[in-house]
């Protein structure tokens, strides 16, 4: 049986108007800060993973070599292109960051642009220079896109 308070109102389970403990603004700030920190940590982990993947791709590009069956593959590809009426093939595509100047020489059509090539792109160019140029092929490099107004991917194109 409930006892009456001095005012005569029955005493309930709590004497606070909303009952029990009330969440405070400090509690809410802590909850928001914890959520923000969790999101930040997640974003940092994703960025780290992305960087690691890009590093692995770059390392693979730097270690890649022209395949032993390149001559046969090349012959099939250019023959098929010629049969389609095409006179040019993109033979490699890579980020401008793989150039030792970030793609500047290619973007500015400088005659020494091949000196900016590294890794697999340089090996492709050297093979072109040794085997394909003497046969009459030509090679050009081109910036393919400009994300954020800066050179993005580079394409090397063989034409005849």
Protein backbone atom coordinates (compact mmCIF):
# COMPACT_ATOMS: atom_id res chain seq x y z
CA UNK A 1 0.00 0.00 0.00
CA UNK A 2 1.41 3.37 -1.04
CA UNK A 3 2.17 5.88 1.58
CA UNK A 4 1.20 9.46 1.25
CA UNK A 5 3.75 12.22 1.01
CA UNK A 6 3.45 15.27 3.23
CA UNK A 7 1.37 16.93 0.52
CA UNK A 8 -0.95 14.02 0.42
CA UNK A 9 0.10 12.76 -3.05
CA UNK A 10 0.88 9.07 -3.30
CA UNK A 11 4.60 8.27 -3.51
CA UNK A 12 5.56 6.63 -6.83
CA UNK A 13 8.58 4.64 -7.78
CA UNK A 14 10.63 7.83 -8.34
CA UNK A 15 10.48 11.28 -6.94
CA UNK A 16 12.05 12.82 -10.10
CA UNK A 17 9.58 14.35 -12.57
CA UNK A 18 10.72 12.22 -15.60
CA UNK A 19 11.62 9.21 -13.56
CA UNK A 20 15.04 7.56 -13.29
CA UNK A 21 18.34 8.94 -14.50
CA UNK A 22 18.13 11.48 -17.30
CA UNK A 23 20.71 11.45 -20.10
CA UNK A 24 22.75 14.60 -19.89
CA UNK A 25 24.16 16.85 -22.61
CA UNK A 26 27.62 15.60 -21.58
CA UNK A 27 26.47 12.03 -22.21
CA UNK A 28 25.15 13.04 -25.63
CA UNK A 29 28.41 14.82 -26.53
CA UNK A 30 30.35 11.72 -25.50
CA UNK A 31 28.14 9.51 -27.68
CA UNK A 32 28.62 11.87 -30.66
CA UNK A 33 32.40 12.06 -30.10
CA UNK A 34 32.67 8.27 -29.86
CA UNK A 35 30.74 7.91 -33.14
CA UNK A 36 32.89 10.54 -34.83
CA UNK A 37 36.09 8.82 -33.65
CA UNK A 38 34.81 5.45 -34.92
CA UNK A 39 34.04 6.96 -38.34
CA UNK A 40 37.44 8.66 -38.45
CA UNK A 41 39.22 5.42 -37.54
CA UNK A 42 37.26 3.56 -40.22
CA UNK A 43 38.15 6.22 -42.84
CA UNK A 44 41.83 6.04 -41.85
CA UNK A 45 41.83 2.26 -42.14
CA UNK A 46 40.20 2.46 -45.59
CA UNK A 47 42.74 5.07 -46.71
CA UNK A 48 45.60 2.91 -45.44
CA UNK A 49 44.22 -0.12 -47.28
CA UNK A 50 43.79 1.91 -50.47
CA UNK A 51 47.36 3.21 -50.19
CA UNK A 52 48.70 -0.32 -49.65
CA UNK A 53 46.78 -1.58 -52.70
CA UNK A 54 48.06 1.31 -54.84
CA UNK A 55 51.60 0.65 -53.65
CA UNK A 56 51.28 -3.02 -54.57
CA UNK A 57 49.95 -2.13 -58.05
CA UNK A 58 52.78 0.36 -58.55
CA UNK A 59 55.36 -2.20 -57.44
CA UNK A 60 53.88 -4.77 -59.85
CA UNK A 61 54.08 -2.18 -62.66
CA UNK A 62 57.69 -1.44 -61.83
CA UNK A 63 58.57 -5.17 -61.83
CA UNK A 64 56.49 -6.18 -64.88
CA UNK A 65 58.29 -7.20 -68.04
CA UNK A 66 57.37 -7.62 -71.67
CA UNK A 67 56.15 -11.18 -72.06
CA UNK A 68 58.17 -13.75 -74.01
CA UNK A 69 55.25 -14.22 -76.41
CA UNK A 70 55.00 -10.47 -77.08
CA UNK A 71 55.91 -10.79 -80.77
CA UNK A 72 53.07 -13.24 -81.46
CA UNK A 73 50.58 -11.25 -79.39
CA UNK A 74 51.68 -8.02 -81.09
CA UNK A 75 51.29 -9.53 -84.56
CA UNK A 76 47.78 -10.82 -83.77
CA UNK A 77 46.70 -7.48 -82.25
CA UNK A 78 47.94 -5.23 -85.07
CA UNK A 79 46.62 -7.61 -87.75
CA UNK A 80 43.18 -7.65 -86.11
CA UNK A 81 43.24 -3.85 -85.80
CA UNK A 82 44.19 -3.44 -89.45
CA UNK A 83 41.39 -5.82 -90.47
CA UNK A 84 38.96 -3.56 -88.55
CA UNK A 85 40.37 -0.50 -90.33
CA UNK A 86 42.12 0.77 -87.19
CA UNK A 87 45.56 2.36 -87.58
CA UNK A 88 46.44 2.78 -83.93
CA UNK A 89 46.42 0.73 -80.73
CA UNK A 90 46.79 1.74 -77.11
CA UNK A 91 49.49 -0.58 -75.86
CA UNK A 92 49.78 0.51 -72.24
CA UNK A 93 47.92 2.73 -69.77
CA UNK A 94 49.24 3.85 -66.40
CA UNK A 95 48.88 6.68 -63.87
CA UNK A 96 50.91 9.82 -64.58
CA UNK A 97 52.36 9.48 -61.08
CA UNK A 98 54.39 6.55 -62.43
CA UNK A 99 56.38 9.02 -64.57
CA UNK A 100 59.36 10.54 -62.83
CA UNK A 101 57.93 14.01 -63.52
CA UNK A 102 54.24 13.25 -62.87
CA UNK A 103 53.46 13.33 -66.60
CA UNK A 104 54.65 16.92 -67.15
CA UNK A 105 56.84 16.17 -70.22
CA UNK A 106 54.09 14.16 -71.89
CA UNK A 107 51.47 16.78 -71.08
CA UNK A 108 53.70 19.50 -72.58
CA UNK A 109 54.63 17.48 -75.69
CA UNK A 110 58.33 17.75 -74.84
CA UNK A 111 60.59 15.82 -77.22
CA UNK A 112 62.40 14.07 -74.36
CA UNK A 113 59.17 12.69 -72.84
CA UNK A 114 60.46 9.08 -73.03
CA UNK A 115 63.05 9.99 -70.38
CA UNK A 116 60.18 10.43 -67.90
CA UNK A 117 59.00 6.83 -68.26
CA UNK A 118 59.72 4.29 -65.54
CA UNK A 119 59.13 0.59 -64.95
CA UNK A 120 57.07 -1.33 -67.46
CA UNK A 121 56.30 1.78 -69.52
CA UNK A 122 60.02 2.37 -70.01
CA UNK A 123 60.55 -1.26 -70.99
CA UNK A 124 57.71 -1.00 -73.52
CA UNK A 125 59.27 2.16 -74.96
CA UNK A 126 62.73 0.56 -75.16
CA UNK A 127 61.28 -2.45 -77.01
CA UNK A 128 59.45 -0.10 -79.38
CA UNK A 129 62.65 1.83 -80.00
CA UNK A 130 64.69 -1.32 -80.61
CA UNK A 131 62.26 -3.41 -82.67
CA UNK A 132 59.25 -1.45 -83.87
CA UNK A 133 60.61 1.99 -84.77
CA UNK A 134 63.06 0.49 -87.30
CA UNK A 135 60.11 -1.40 -88.84
CA UNK A 136 58.25 1.90 -89.42
CA UNK A 137 55.92 2.06 -86.43
CA UNK A 138 55.42 5.28 -84.49
CA UNK A 139 54.69 5.73 -80.79
CA UNK A 140 52.99 8.62 -79.07
CA UNK A 141 52.16 9.31 -75.46
CA UNK A 142 49.07 11.17 -74.35
CA UNK A 143 47.47 12.27 -71.11
CA UNK A 144 44.08 10.56 -71.17
CA UNK A 145 42.26 12.40 -68.41
CA UNK A 146 42.65 15.33 -66.05
CA UNK A 147 41.08 14.58 -62.67
CA UNK A 148 41.07 17.75 -60.60
CA UNK A 149 42.72 19.58 -63.50
CA UNK A 150 45.93 17.56 -63.18
CA UNK A 151 47.27 14.86 -65.54
CA UNK A 152 45.68 11.52 -64.72
CA UNK A 153 46.33 8.39 -66.75
CA UNK A 154 48.86 8.23 -69.56
CA UNK A 155 48.37 6.13 -72.68
CA UNK A 156 51.08 4.93 -75.05
CA UNK A 157 49.72 4.48 -78.56
CA UNK A 158 51.37 2.60 -81.39
CA UNK A 159 50.35 3.64 -84.89
CA UNK A 160 51.26 2.75 -88.44
